[in-house]
């Protein structure tokens, strides 16, 4: 577990939310076809990161866009994570890993430890709840977090996540967090799409100690005004994520990215009255 000198991911996010009055998670999803070459992609992504940092509670690199560039992309992602840490930004790596036994353990070591990793990782529980244990254990050992897919933002989620399945996963998230020492937020968070505004209060109540990651703000159509049910009093407990709507707010204009991040932050604050 982290020492008092090194806060956990949940502690760091919550402290930054309160100190900077922001609950925005900036997604960094660099699309290769938007750039001249990989060097241009890296430069722009790092510029957006640095410029938007004052308005973000955390950043969320989407693993797939870096993986698509091969080894060069992995090196870029490592630089992005390092730059975020230098800026004091908690890093949530969106890789949606999930597997059984030793393979799950290998994924957990790969993406929750080391310079190339995030402090938190999105994980897929649909191979069974026992597959979460290696990720949760590794996160706890390193002061990190996992964000379990509970109810994702895409319309097709209903194929497998309807009929009470999402609620069952939420109950497991709460059970895992109940095993941790008392504290405001525990190491197991949950992904609940911002596109499910009517369900947010239900999932907030089912998982009282979980940080909620709310993808779908902006480009996927979710609005900040609809997200109040995900937050606790004082505006903590959730991160609303915007990716394309920030990084490509107006082509490759970094100034437009900054205005978009500031706008999302202000809309969320206005909704919460903070």
Protein backbone atom coordinates (compact mmCIF):
# COMPACT_ATOMS: atom_id res chain seq x y z
CA UNK A 1 0.00 0.00 0.00
CA UNK A 2 1.23 3.56 -0.62
CA UNK A 3 2.88 5.50 2.15
CA UNK A 4 1.64 8.86 3.38
CA UNK A 5 4.31 10.48 1.20
CA UNK A 6 2.97 8.71 -1.90
CA UNK A 7 -0.80 8.91 -2.21
CA UNK A 8 -2.76 6.22 -3.98
CA UNK A 9 -4.33 6.89 -7.37
CA UNK A 10 -7.72 7.47 -5.75
CA UNK A 11 -6.22 9.85 -3.21
CA UNK A 12 -4.25 11.74 -5.85
CA UNK A 13 -7.27 12.18 -8.12
CA UNK A 14 -9.50 13.29 -5.26
CA UNK A 15 -6.92 15.73 -3.94
CA UNK A 16 -6.42 17.21 -7.40
CA UNK A 17 -10.19 17.45 -7.91
CA UNK A 18 -10.52 19.49 -4.73
CA UNK A 19 -7.41 21.62 -5.19
CA UNK A 20 -8.00 22.56 -8.85
CA UNK A 21 -11.81 22.21 -8.80
CA UNK A 22 -11.84 19.86 -11.77
CA UNK A 23 -13.21 16.39 -12.34
CA UNK A 24 -12.31 16.22 -16.04
CA UNK A 25 -10.30 13.26 -17.35
CA UNK A 26 -8.56 14.20 -20.60
CA UNK A 27 -8.27 11.31 -23.02
CA UNK A 28 -5.24 11.24 -25.31
CA UNK A 29 -6.12 9.13 -28.35
CA UNK A 30 -3.69 10.19 -31.11
CA UNK A 31 -4.90 9.13 -34.55
CA UNK A 32 -2.05 8.41 -36.95
CA UNK A 33 -3.86 9.74 -40.01
CA UNK A 34 -4.09 13.21 -38.46
CA UNK A 35 -0.30 13.71 -38.56
CA UNK A 36 2.61 13.89 -40.97
CA UNK A 37 4.49 11.17 -39.10
CA UNK A 38 4.94 9.63 -35.66
CA UNK A 39 7.19 12.48 -34.51
CA UNK A 40 4.44 14.98 -35.32
CA UNK A 41 1.92 12.80 -33.45
CA UNK A 42 4.13 12.70 -30.38
CA UNK A 43 4.82 16.43 -30.36
CA UNK A 44 1.17 17.37 -30.69
CA UNK A 45 0.02 14.88 -28.05
CA UNK A 46 2.58 16.16 -25.56
CA UNK A 47 1.64 19.76 -26.33
CA UNK A 48 -2.03 19.04 -25.72
CA UNK A 49 -1.16 17.26 -22.48
CA UNK A 50 0.90 20.12 -21.10
CA UNK A 51 -1.51 22.84 -22.19
CA UNK A 52 -4.61 21.09 -20.81
CA UNK A 53 -3.06 19.88 -17.55
CA UNK A 54 -4.38 22.78 -15.42
CA UNK A 55 -7.96 21.76 -16.26
CA UNK A 56 -7.59 17.99 -15.75
CA UNK A 57 -7.90 15.77 -12.70
CA UNK A 58 -6.27 12.92 -14.64
CA UNK A 59 -5.31 11.81 -18.13
CA UNK A 60 -6.36 8.67 -19.96
CA UNK A 61 -4.16 7.43 -22.81
CA UNK A 62 -6.07 4.93 -24.96
CA UNK A 63 -3.65 2.06 -25.40
CA UNK A 64 -4.91 1.03 -28.85
CA UNK A 65 -3.81 4.21 -30.59
CA UNK A 66 -0.24 3.79 -29.36
CA UNK A 67 -0.18 0.04 -29.94
CA UNK A 68 -1.20 0.67 -33.56
CA UNK A 69 2.18 2.37 -34.10
CA UNK A 70 4.15 -0.66 -32.93
CA UNK A 71 7.25 -0.28 -30.80
CA UNK A 72 7.49 3.39 -31.67
CA UNK A 73 4.01 3.89 -30.29
CA UNK A 74 4.91 2.13 -27.05
CA UNK A 75 7.85 4.51 -26.65
CA UNK A 76 5.57 7.49 -27.27
CA UNK A 77 3.08 6.26 -24.68
CA UNK A 78 5.89 5.90 -22.16
CA UNK A 79 6.88 9.52 -22.82
CA UNK A 80 3.27 10.63 -22.42
CA UNK A 81 3.00 8.83 -19.07
CA UNK A 82 6.31 10.29 -17.89
CA UNK A 83 5.28 13.81 -18.92
CA UNK A 84 1.98 13.45 -17.09
CA UNK A 85 3.71 12.32 -13.92
CA UNK A 86 6.05 15.32 -14.14
CA UNK A 87 2.99 17.56 -14.38
CA UNK A 88 1.46 15.87 -11.33
CA UNK A 89 -1.33 14.24 -13.35
CA UNK A 90 -2.54 10.77 -12.33
CA UNK A 91 -2.41 8.41 -15.33
CA UNK A 92 -5.28 6.04 -16.12
CA UNK A 93 -4.33 3.70 -18.94
CA UNK A 94 -7.33 2.60 -20.98
CA UNK A 95 -6.40 -0.90 -22.16
CA UNK A 96 -9.43 -2.97 -21.01
CA UNK A 97 -7.27 -5.95 -20.13
CA UNK A 98 -8.77 -9.19 -18.85
CA UNK A 99 -7.64 -12.82 -18.82
CA UNK A 100 -7.22 -15.83 -16.57
CA UNK A 101 -4.58 -16.93 -14.11
CA UNK A 102 -0.94 -16.22 -14.87
CA UNK A 103 -1.86 -14.33 -18.04
CA UNK A 104 -3.94 -11.85 -16.04
CA UNK A 105 -0.99 -11.51 -13.66
CA UNK A 106 1.33 -10.75 -16.57
CA UNK A 107 -1.04 -8.10 -17.92
CA UNK A 108 -1.27 -6.58 -14.44
CA UNK A 109 2.51 -6.37 -14.08
CA UNK A 110 2.85 -4.98 -17.59
CA UNK A 111 0.38 -2.12 -17.22
CA UNK A 112 0.31 -1.34 -13.51
CA UNK A 113 4.05 -1.33 -12.79
CA UNK A 114 7.05 0.32 -14.40
CA UNK A 115 7.76 3.54 -16.28
CA UNK A 116 5.61 2.63 -19.27
CA UNK A 117 2.51 1.89 -17.19
CA UNK A 118 -0.31 3.93 -15.77
CA UNK A 119 -1.15 4.23 -12.10
CA UNK A 120 -4.59 2.88 -13.01
CA UNK A 121 -5.89 0.50 -15.66
CA UNK A 122 -9.28 -0.33 -17.16
CA UNK A 123 -10.09 -4.05 -16.89
CA UNK A 124 -12.68 -6.37 -18.38
CA UNK A 125 -14.52 -8.66 -15.87
CA UNK A 126 -16.43 -10.80 -18.35
CA UNK A 127 -14.18 -13.84 -18.06
CA UNK A 128 -15.29 -14.13 -14.44
CA UNK A 129 -14.76 -12.25 -11.22
CA UNK A 130 -11.74 -14.35 -10.19
CA UNK A 131 -9.85 -12.85 -13.13
CA UNK A 132 -9.95 -9.45 -11.40
CA UNK A 133 -7.80 -10.60 -8.46
CA UNK A 134 -4.34 -10.29 -10.11
CA UNK A 135 -5.18 -6.78 -11.27
CA UNK A 136 -6.60 -5.70 -7.92
CA UNK A 137 -3.67 -7.19 -5.99
CA UNK A 138 -1.09 -5.51 -8.23
CA UNK A 139 -2.90 -2.18 -8.05
CA UNK A 140 -3.05 -2.31 -4.26
CA UNK A 141 0.61 -3.27 -3.96
CA UNK A 142 1.61 -0.27 -6.05
CA UNK A 143 -0.87 2.34 -4.83
CA UNK A 144 -2.77 2.14 -8.10
CA UNK A 145 -6.31 1.38 -9.17
CA UNK A 146 -8.34 -0.69 -11.58
CA UNK A 147 -11.48 0.50 -13.31
CA UNK A 148 -13.81 -2.41 -13.97
CA UNK A 149 -16.12 -2.26 -16.98
CA UNK A 150 -19.61 -2.10 -15.48
CA UNK A 151 -21.80 -0.37 -18.05
CA UNK A 152 -19.93 0.96 -21.06
CA UNK A 153 -20.89 3.96 -23.18
CA UNK A 154 -21.47 2.19 -26.52
CA UNK A 155 -25.04 1.32 -27.61
CA UNK A 156 -24.14 -2.35 -28.13
CA UNK A 157 -23.31 -2.80 -24.45
CA UNK A 158 -26.90 -3.93 -23.90
CA UNK A 159 -26.13 -7.24 -25.67
CA UNK A 160 -24.15 -8.46 -22.65
CA UNK A 161 -24.54 -5.83 -19.93
CA UNK A 162 -28.34 -5.65 -19.74
CA UNK A 163 -30.80 -7.72 -17.68
CA UNK A 164 -29.08 -6.88 -14.40
CA UNK A 165 -25.58 -7.97 -15.44
CA UNK A 166 -24.09 -4.51 -14.92
CA UNK A 167 -25.66 -4.32 -11.49
CA UNK A 168 -24.16 -7.71 -10.60
CA UNK A 169 -20.70 -6.47 -11.60
CA UNK A 170 -21.27 -3.33 -9.54
CA UNK A 171 -22.03 -5.44 -6.47
CA UNK A 172 -18.73 -7.28 -6.96
CA UNK A 173 -16.86 -3.97 -7.22
CA UNK A 174 -18.41 -2.88 -3.93
CA UNK A 175 -17.49 -6.21 -2.31
CA UNK A 176 -13.86 -5.87 -3.35
CA UNK A 177 -13.70 -2.34 -2.00
CA UNK A 178 -15.28 -3.38 1.28
CA UNK A 179 -12.26 -5.64 1.86
CA UNK A 180 -9.91 -2.65 1.90
CA UNK A 181 -9.13 -0.53 4.97
CA UNK A 182 -11.53 2.32 5.60
CA UNK A 183 -10.97 5.39 3.48
CA UNK A 184 -12.82 7.75 1.21
CA UNK A 185 -12.26 5.87 -2.06
CA UNK A 186 -10.77 2.42 -2.59
CA UNK A 187 -8.61 0.94 -5.35
CA UNK A 188 -11.40 -0.62 -7.44
CA UNK A 189 -13.19 1.89 -9.62
CA UNK A 190 -15.87 1.36 -12.24
CA UNK A 191 -16.46 2.40 -15.84
CA UNK A 192 -20.02 3.65 -16.25
CA UNK A 193 -20.75 5.44 -19.49
CA UNK A 194 -21.72 9.09 -19.29
CA UNK A 195 -24.29 8.16 -21.94
CA UNK A 196 -26.34 6.38 -19.23
CA UNK A 197 -27.34 9.49 -17.31
CA UNK A 198 -30.53 7.97 -15.90
CA UNK A 199 -28.57 5.10 -14.32
CA UNK A 200 -25.72 7.04 -12.75
CA UNK A 201 -27.30 7.59 -9.35
CA UNK A 202 -28.09 3.86 -9.11
CA UNK A 203 -24.51 2.85 -9.79
CA UNK A 204 -23.20 5.56 -7.46
CA UNK A 205 -25.30 4.07 -4.66
CA UNK A 206 -24.27 0.49 -5.48
CA UNK A 207 -20.54 1.34 -5.35
CA UNK A 208 -20.11 4.00 -2.64
CA UNK A 209 -16.30 3.73 -2.39
CA UNK A 210 -15.57 3.39 -6.10
CA UNK A 211 -14.31 6.17 -8.30
CA UNK A 212 -16.51 6.19 -11.39
CA UNK A 213 -15.01 6.78 -14.82
CA UNK A 214 -17.63 8.32 -17.10
CA UNK A 215 -16.55 8.04 -20.76
CA UNK A 216 -18.61 9.61 -23.52
CA UNK A 217 -18.50 13.33 -22.74
CA UNK A 218 -18.49 15.39 -25.92
CA UNK A 219 -18.00 13.38 -29.10
CA UNK A 220 -20.22 10.48 -27.96
CA UNK A 221 -23.03 12.84 -27.10
CA UNK A 222 -23.07 12.91 -23.30
CA UNK A 223 -23.56 16.29 -21.66
CA UNK A 224 -22.03 17.51 -18.41
CA UNK A 225 -25.43 18.71 -17.23
CA UNK A 226 -26.67 15.11 -17.02
CA UNK A 227 -23.93 13.66 -14.82
CA UNK A 228 -24.76 14.90 -11.33
CA UNK A 229 -25.93 11.48 -10.16
CA UNK A 230 -22.41 10.08 -10.44
CA UNK A 231 -20.89 12.45 -7.88
CA UNK A 232 -20.84 12.64 -4.13
CA UNK A 233 -21.55 15.87 -2.27
CA UNK A 234 -18.73 18.31 -2.94
CA UNK A 235 -18.19 17.01 -6.46
CA UNK A 236 -15.89 14.07 -5.80
CA UNK A 237 -16.14 10.40 -6.72
CA UNK A 238 -16.21 10.53 -10.51
CA UNK A 239 -14.14 11.49 -13.54
CA UNK A 240 -15.90 12.61 -16.71
CA UNK A 241 -13.78 11.70 -19.72
CA UNK A 242 -13.48 13.60 -23.00
CA UNK A 243 -10.99 12.51 -25.68
CA UNK A 244 -11.68 13.55 -29.27
CA UNK A 245 -13.59 16.56 -28.00
CA UNK A 246 -10.39 17.86 -26.43
CA UNK A 247 -7.44 16.59 -28.47
CA UNK A 248 -9.16 17.34 -31.80
CA UNK A 249 -11.51 20.12 -30.74
CA UNK A 250 -10.55 22.05 -33.89
CA UNK A 251 -8.13 20.08 -36.02
CA UNK A 252 -4.70 20.19 -34.41
CA UNK A 253 -5.16 23.55 -32.71
CA UNK A 254 -3.72 23.29 -29.20
CA UNK A 255 -5.45 26.53 -28.29
CA UNK A 256 -8.79 24.95 -29.21
CA UNK A 257 -7.93 21.91 -27.08
CA UNK A 258 -7.30 24.18 -24.11
CA UNK A 259 -10.59 26.00 -24.61
CA UNK A 260 -12.43 22.68 -24.90
CA UNK A 261 -10.86 21.31 -21.70
CA UNK A 262 -11.63 24.53 -19.86
CA UNK A 263 -15.18 24.46 -21.21
CA UNK A 264 -15.81 20.89 -20.08
CA UNK A 265 -14.34 21.67 -16.66
CA UNK A 266 -16.56 24.73 -16.29
CA UNK A 267 -19.69 22.86 -17.45
CA UNK A 268 -19.07 20.11 -14.90
CA UNK A 269 -18.48 22.68 -12.16
CA UNK A 270 -21.61 24.54 -13.14
CA UNK A 271 -23.67 21.36 -12.98
CA UNK A 272 -22.32 20.63 -9.50
CA UNK A 273 -22.33 24.21 -8.26
CA UNK A 274 -18.66 24.03 -7.27
